[in-house]
PDB file of all heavy atoms in Angstrom:
ATOM      1  N   THR A   1      -8.780  -5.832   6.620  1.00  0.00           N
ATOM      2  CA  THR A   1      -8.982  -5.407   5.235  1.00  0.00           C
ATOM      3  C   THR A   1      -7.957  -4.335   4.850  1.00  0.00           C
ATOM      4  O   THR A   1      -7.487  -4.290   3.703  1.00  0.00           O
ATOM      5  CB  THR A   1     -10.408  -4.850   5.033  1.00  0.00           C
ATOM      6  OG1 THR A   1     -10.635  -3.741   5.921  1.00  0.00           O
ATOM      7  CG2 THR A   1     -11.441  -5.931   5.289  1.00  0.00           C
ATOM      8  N   ARG A   2      -7.602  -3.480   5.803  1.00  0.00           N
ATOM      9  CA  ARG A   2      -6.624  -2.412   5.527  1.00  0.00           C
ATOM     10  C   ARG A   2      -5.234  -3.018   5.350  1.00  0.00           C
ATOM     11  O   ARG A   2      -4.503  -2.648   4.445  1.00  0.00           O
ATOM     12  CB  ARG A   2      -6.631  -1.415   6.706  1.00  0.00           C
ATOM     13  CG  ARG A   2      -5.658  -0.269   6.590  1.00  0.00           C
ATOM     14  CD  ARG A   2      -6.007   0.788   7.635  1.00  0.00           C
ATOM     15  NE  ARG A   2      -4.978   1.792   7.814  1.00  0.00           N
ATOM     16  CZ  ARG A   2      -4.820   2.874   7.110  1.00  0.00           C
ATOM     17  NH1 ARG A   2      -5.631   3.099   6.090  1.00  0.00           N
ATOM     18  NH2 ARG A   2      -3.862   3.759   7.341  1.00  0.00           N
ATOM     19  N   HIS A   3      -4.871  -3.961   6.220  1.00  0.00           N
ATOM     20  CA  HIS A   3      -3.554  -4.622   6.096  1.00  0.00           C
ATOM     21  C   HIS A   3      -3.489  -5.413   4.795  1.00  0.00           C
ATOM     22  O   HIS A   3      -2.450  -5.487   4.124  1.00  0.00           O
ATOM     23  CB  HIS A   3      -3.301  -5.521   7.278  1.00  0.00           C
ATOM     24  CG  HIS A   3      -3.127  -4.822   8.574  1.00  0.00           C
ATOM     25  ND1 HIS A   3      -2.384  -3.671   8.702  1.00  0.00           N
ATOM     26  CD2 HIS A   3      -3.631  -5.089   9.812  1.00  0.00           C
ATOM     27  CE1 HIS A   3      -2.409  -3.259   9.944  1.00  0.00           C
ATOM     28  NE2 HIS A   3      -3.165  -4.101  10.648  1.00  0.00           N
ATOM     29  N   THR A   4      -4.606  -6.039   4.409  1.00  0.00           N
ATOM     30  CA  THR A   4      -4.627  -6.802   3.171  1.00  0.00           C
ATOM     31  C   THR A   4      -4.387  -5.911   1.977  1.00  0.00           C
ATOM     32  O   THR A   4      -3.618  -6.243   1.067  1.00  0.00           O
ATOM     33  CB  THR A   4      -5.992  -7.547   3.039  1.00  0.00           C
ATOM     34  OG1 THR A   4      -6.184  -8.387   4.185  1.00  0.00           O
ATOM     35  CG2 THR A   4      -6.056  -8.359   1.764  1.00  0.00           C
ATOM     36  N   TYR A   5      -5.052  -4.769   1.959  1.00  0.00           N
ATOM     37  CA  TYR A   5      -4.880  -3.793   0.895  1.00  0.00           C
ATOM     38  C   TYR A   5      -3.406  -3.367   0.800  1.00  0.00           C
ATOM     39  O   TYR A   5      -2.819  -3.388  -0.318  1.00  0.00           O
ATOM     40  CB  TYR A   5      -5.770  -2.593   1.183  1.00  0.00           C
ATOM     41  CG  TYR A   5      -5.560  -1.358   0.296  1.00  0.00           C
ATOM     42  CD1 TYR A   5      -6.228  -1.247  -0.921  1.00  0.00           C
ATOM     43  CD2 TYR A   5      -4.710  -0.340   0.677  1.00  0.00           C
ATOM     44  CE1 TYR A   5      -6.042  -0.157  -1.724  1.00  0.00           C
ATOM     45  CE2 TYR A   5      -4.527   0.756  -0.129  1.00  0.00           C
ATOM     46  CZ  TYR A   5      -5.192   0.868  -1.324  1.00  0.00           C
ATOM     47  OH  TYR A   5      -5.030   1.969  -2.124  1.00  0.00           O
ATOM     48  N   ALA A   6      -2.795  -2.999   1.924  1.00  0.00           N
ATOM     49  CA  ALA A   6      -1.427  -2.524   1.894  1.00  0.00           C
ATOM     50  C   ALA A   6      -0.455  -3.585   1.377  1.00  0.00           C
ATOM     51  O   ALA A   6       0.396  -3.319   0.549  1.00  0.00           O
ATOM     52  CB  ALA A   6      -1.023  -2.074   3.297  1.00  0.00           C
ATOM     53  N   THR A   7      -0.558  -4.792   1.903  1.00  0.00           N
ATOM     54  CA  THR A   7       0.381  -5.850   1.519  1.00  0.00           C
ATOM     55  C   THR A   7       0.204  -6.267   0.074  1.00  0.00           C
ATOM     56  O   THR A   7       1.196  -6.574  -0.594  1.00  0.00           O
ATOM     57  CB  THR A   7       0.231  -7.059   2.465  1.00  0.00           C
ATOM     58  OG1 THR A   7      -1.112  -7.502   2.509  1.00  0.00           O
ATOM     59  CG2 THR A   7       0.670  -6.691   3.867  1.00  0.00           C
ATOM     60  N   ARG A   8      -1.027  -6.251  -0.434  1.00  0.00           N
ATOM     61  CA  ARG A   8      -1.226  -6.607  -1.838  1.00  0.00           C
ATOM     62  C   ARG A   8      -0.634  -5.563  -2.791  1.00  0.00           C
ATOM     63  O   ARG A   8      -0.017  -5.925  -3.827  1.00  0.00           O
ATOM     64  CB  ARG A   8      -2.715  -6.774  -2.143  1.00  0.00           C
ATOM     65  CG  ARG A   8      -3.307  -8.028  -1.458  1.00  0.00           C
ATOM     66  CD  ARG A   8      -4.725  -8.301  -1.867  1.00  0.00           C
ATOM     67  NE  ARG A   8      -4.844  -8.756  -3.249  1.00  0.00           N
ATOM     68  CZ  ARG A   8      -5.948  -9.160  -3.820  1.00  0.00           C
ATOM     69  NH1 ARG A   8      -7.081  -9.167  -3.104  1.00  0.00           N
ATOM     70  NH2 ARG A   8      -6.006  -9.543  -5.069  1.00  0.00           N
ATOM     71  N   LEU A   9      -0.720  -4.315  -2.407  1.00  0.00           N
ATOM     72  CA  LEU A   9      -0.099  -3.267  -3.217  1.00  0.00           C
ATOM     73  C   LEU A   9       1.426  -3.360  -3.176  1.00  0.00           C
ATOM     74  O   LEU A   9       2.124  -3.175  -4.180  1.00  0.00           O
ATOM     75  CB  LEU A   9      -0.552  -1.897  -2.746  1.00  0.00           C
ATOM     76  CG  LEU A   9      -1.753  -1.250  -3.499  1.00  0.00           C
ATOM     77  CD1 LEU A   9      -2.957  -2.168  -3.414  1.00  0.00           C
ATOM     78  CD2 LEU A   9      -2.077   0.101  -2.958  1.00  0.00           C
ATOM     79  N   ILE A  10       1.937  -3.662  -1.992  1.00  0.00           N
ATOM     80  CA  ILE A  10       3.385  -3.779  -1.860  1.00  0.00           C
ATOM     81  C   ILE A  10       3.878  -4.945  -2.697  1.00  0.00           C
ATOM     82  O   ILE A  10       4.879  -4.808  -3.440  1.00  0.00           O
ATOM     83  CB  ILE A  10       3.769  -3.972  -0.388  1.00  0.00           C
ATOM     84  CG1 ILE A  10       3.520  -2.683   0.427  1.00  0.00           C
ATOM     85  CG2 ILE A  10       5.228  -4.398  -0.225  1.00  0.00           C
ATOM     86  CD1 ILE A  10       3.618  -2.833   1.915  1.00  0.00           C
ATOM     87  N   MET A  11       3.237  -6.093  -2.603  1.00  0.00           N
ATOM     88  CA  MET A  11       3.681  -7.286  -3.330  1.00  0.00           C
ATOM     89  C   MET A  11       3.520  -7.106  -4.845  1.00  0.00           C
ATOM     90  O   MET A  11       4.183  -7.796  -5.609  1.00  0.00           O
ATOM     91  CB  MET A  11       2.933  -8.504  -2.854  1.00  0.00           C
ATOM     92  CG  MET A  11       3.166  -8.832  -1.385  1.00  0.00           C
ATOM     93  SD  MET A  11       4.861  -9.005  -0.901  1.00  0.00           S
ATOM     94  CE  MET A  11       5.290 -10.518  -1.719  1.00  0.00           C
ATOM     95  N   ALA A  12       2.635  -6.194  -5.240  1.00  0.00           N
ATOM     96  CA  ALA A  12       2.464  -5.915  -6.662  1.00  0.00           C
ATOM     97  C   ALA A  12       3.544  -4.964  -7.215  1.00  0.00           C
ATOM     98  O   ALA A  12       3.561  -4.656  -8.429  1.00  0.00           O
ATOM     99  CB  ALA A  12       1.089  -5.334  -6.926  1.00  0.00           C
ATOM    100  N   GLY A  13       4.396  -4.493  -6.341  1.00  0.00           N
ATOM    101  CA  GLY A  13       5.500  -3.628  -6.752  1.00  0.00           C
ATOM    102  C   GLY A  13       5.137  -2.150  -6.851  1.00  0.00           C
ATOM    103  O   GLY A  13       5.923  -1.363  -7.422  1.00  0.00           O
ATOM    104  N   ILE A  14       4.045  -1.749  -6.293  1.00  0.00           N
ATOM    105  CA  ILE A  14       3.635  -0.331  -6.333  1.00  0.00           C
ATOM    106  C   ILE A  14       4.531   0.463  -5.394  1.00  0.00           C
ATOM    107  O   ILE A  14       4.909  -0.022  -4.314  1.00  0.00           O
ATOM    108  CB  ILE A  14       2.138  -0.185  -5.933  1.00  0.00           C
ATOM    109  CG1 ILE A  14       1.284  -0.894  -6.997  1.00  0.00           C
ATOM    110  CG2 ILE A  14       1.752   1.260  -5.793  1.00  0.00           C
ATOM    111  CD1 ILE A  14      -0.195  -0.914  -6.663  1.00  0.00           C
ATOM    112  N   LYS A  15       4.890   1.657  -5.782  1.00  0.00           N
ATOM    113  CA  LYS A  15       5.854   2.450  -4.998  1.00  0.00           C
ATOM    114  C   LYS A  15       5.348   2.725  -3.604  1.00  0.00           C
ATOM    115  O   LYS A  15       4.190   3.090  -3.421  1.00  0.00           O
ATOM    116  CB  LYS A  15       6.118   3.800  -5.721  1.00  0.00           C
ATOM    117  CG  LYS A  15       6.852   3.622  -7.060  1.00  0.00           C
ATOM    118  CD  LYS A  15       7.073   4.980  -7.691  1.00  0.00           C
ATOM    119  CE  LYS A  15       7.834   4.825  -9.036  1.00  0.00           C
ATOM    120  NZ  LYS A  15       8.021   6.147  -9.687  1.00  0.00           N
ATOM    121  N   PRO A  16       6.188   2.554  -2.592  1.00  0.00           N
ATOM    122  CA  PRO A  16       5.776   2.784  -1.217  1.00  0.00           C
ATOM    123  C   PRO A  16       5.259   4.204  -0.951  1.00  0.00           C
ATOM    124  O   PRO A  16       4.320   4.375  -0.179  1.00  0.00           O
ATOM    125  CB  PRO A  16       7.069   2.549  -0.437  1.00  0.00           C
ATOM    126  CG  PRO A  16       7.825   1.533  -1.245  1.00  0.00           C
ATOM    127  CD  PRO A  16       7.554   1.955  -2.673  1.00  0.00           C
ATOM    128  N   ALA A  17       5.773   5.214  -1.637  1.00  0.00           N
ATOM    129  CA  ALA A  17       5.323   6.558  -1.453  1.00  0.00           C
ATOM    130  C   ALA A  17       3.849   6.720  -1.817  1.00  0.00           C
ATOM    131  O   ALA A  17       3.067   7.404  -1.135  1.00  0.00           O
ATOM    132  CB  ALA A  17       6.149   7.544  -2.233  1.00  0.00           C
ATOM    133  N   TYR A  18       3.460   6.066  -2.919  1.00  0.00           N
ATOM    134  CA  TYR A  18       2.079   6.110  -3.349  1.00  0.00           C
ATOM    135  C   TYR A  18       1.158   5.380  -2.337  1.00  0.00           C
ATOM    136  O   TYR A  18       0.093   5.862  -1.985  1.00  0.00           O
ATOM    137  CB  TYR A  18       1.941   5.447  -4.744  1.00  0.00           C
ATOM    138  CG  TYR A  18       0.483   5.366  -5.212  1.00  0.00           C
ATOM    139  CD1 TYR A  18      -0.136   6.418  -5.823  1.00  0.00           C
ATOM    140  CD2 TYR A  18      -0.195   4.148  -5.044  1.00  0.00           C
ATOM    141  CE1 TYR A  18      -1.440   6.323  -6.255  1.00  0.00           C
ATOM    142  CE2 TYR A  18      -1.520   4.067  -5.488  1.00  0.00           C
ATOM    143  CZ  TYR A  18      -2.134   5.150  -6.103  1.00  0.00           C
ATOM    144  OH  TYR A  18      -3.427   5.038  -6.517  1.00  0.00           O
ATOM    145  N   ILE A  19       1.612   4.207  -1.878  1.00  0.00           N
ATOM    146  CA  ILE A  19       0.832   3.459  -0.914  1.00  0.00           C
ATOM    147  C   ILE A  19       0.642   4.255   0.366  1.00  0.00           C
ATOM    148  O   ILE A  19      -0.452   4.292   0.958  1.00  0.00           O
ATOM    149  CB  ILE A  19       1.513   2.106  -0.594  1.00  0.00           C
ATOM    150  CG1 ILE A  19       1.672   1.273  -1.893  1.00  0.00           C
ATOM    151  CG2 ILE A  19       0.710   1.309   0.431  1.00  0.00           C
ATOM    152  CD1 ILE A  19       2.494   0.013  -1.714  1.00  0.00           C
ATOM    153  N   ALA A  20       1.704   4.910   0.840  1.00  0.00           N
ATOM    154  CA  ALA A  20       1.612   5.714   2.043  1.00  0.00           C
ATOM    155  C   ALA A  20       0.585   6.831   1.890  1.00  0.00           C
ATOM    156  O   ALA A  20      -0.194   7.126   2.816  1.00  0.00           O
ATOM    157  CB  ALA A  20       2.990   6.295   2.400  1.00  0.00           C
ATOM    158  N   ARG A  21       0.574   7.498   0.722  1.00  0.00           N
ATOM    159  CA  ARG A  21      -0.440   8.557   0.505  1.00  0.00           C
ATOM    160  C   ARG A  21      -1.826   7.981   0.506  1.00  0.00           C
ATOM    161  O   ARG A  21      -2.755   8.587   1.049  1.00  0.00           O
ATOM    162  CB  ARG A  21      -0.122   9.253  -0.826  1.00  0.00           C
ATOM    163  CG  ARG A  21       1.091  10.169  -0.806  1.00  0.00           C
ATOM    164  CD  ARG A  21       1.090  11.105  -1.995  1.00  0.00           C
ATOM    165  NE  ARG A  21       1.023  10.404  -3.277  1.00  0.00           N
ATOM    166  CZ  ARG A  21       2.093   9.991  -3.942  1.00  0.00           C
ATOM    167  NH1 ARG A  21       3.292  10.179  -3.423  1.00  0.00           N
ATOM    168  NH2 ARG A  21       1.964   9.370  -5.090  1.00  0.00           N
ATOM    169  N   GLN A  22      -2.015   6.852  -0.120  1.00  0.00           N
ATOM    170  CA  GLN A  22      -3.337   6.250  -0.168  1.00  0.00           C
ATOM    171  C   GLN A  22      -3.854   5.947   1.235  1.00  0.00           C
ATOM    172  O   GLN A  22      -5.041   6.113   1.561  1.00  0.00           O
ATOM    173  CB  GLN A  22      -3.316   4.933  -0.961  1.00  0.00           C
ATOM    174  CG  GLN A  22      -3.202   5.099  -2.466  1.00  0.00           C
ATOM    175  CD  GLN A  22      -4.546   5.452  -3.091  1.00  0.00           C
ATOM    176  OE1 GLN A  22      -4.825   6.592  -3.435  1.00  0.00           O
ATOM    177  NE2 GLN A  22      -5.391   4.438  -3.219  1.00  0.00           N
ATOM    178  N   MET A  23      -2.971   5.475   2.125  1.00  0.00           N
ATOM    179  CA  MET A  23      -3.371   5.030   3.428  1.00  0.00           C
ATOM    180  C   MET A  23      -3.333   6.093   4.518  1.00  0.00           C
ATOM    181  O   MET A  23      -3.787   5.872   5.645  1.00  0.00           O
ATOM    182  CB  MET A  23      -2.492   3.833   3.857  1.00  0.00           C
ATOM    183  CG  MET A  23      -2.560   2.667   2.904  1.00  0.00           C
ATOM    184  SD  MET A  23      -1.666   1.241   3.519  1.00  0.00           S
ATOM    185  CE  MET A  23      -2.679   0.758   4.901  1.00  0.00           C
ATOM    186  N   GLY A  24      -2.722   7.253   4.184  1.00  0.00           N
ATOM    187  CA  GLY A  24      -2.625   8.313   5.206  1.00  0.00           C
ATOM    188  C   GLY A  24      -1.504   8.035   6.203  1.00  0.00           C
ATOM    189  O   GLY A  24      -1.567   8.464   7.338  1.00  0.00           O
ATOM    190  N   HIS A  25      -0.497   7.322   5.735  1.00  0.00           N
ATOM    191  CA  HIS A  25       0.671   6.997   6.574  1.00  0.00           C
ATOM    192  C   HIS A  25       1.822   7.920   6.221  1.00  0.00           C
ATOM    193  O   HIS A  25       1.912   8.420   5.089  1.00  0.00           O
ATOM    194  CB  HIS A  25       1.146   5.557   6.345  1.00  0.00           C
ATOM    195  CG  HIS A  25       0.385   4.537   7.122  1.00  0.00           C
ATOM    196  ND1 HIS A  25      -0.093   4.771   8.391  1.00  0.00           N
ATOM    197  CD2 HIS A  25       0.078   3.248   6.848  1.00  0.00           C
ATOM    198  CE1 HIS A  25      -0.690   3.697   8.836  1.00  0.00           C
ATOM    199  NE2 HIS A  25      -0.615   2.736   7.920  1.00  0.00           N
TER     200      HIS A  25
END
C-alpha cells in the first residue's frame, strides 16, 4: 500500500520533495 501510494503520486507529476516529506524519506 505504501509503494502504491508513492508511485501513484509520482506518476501524477507531484513534486518528489513533497512526496518524500509525506513518506518520511
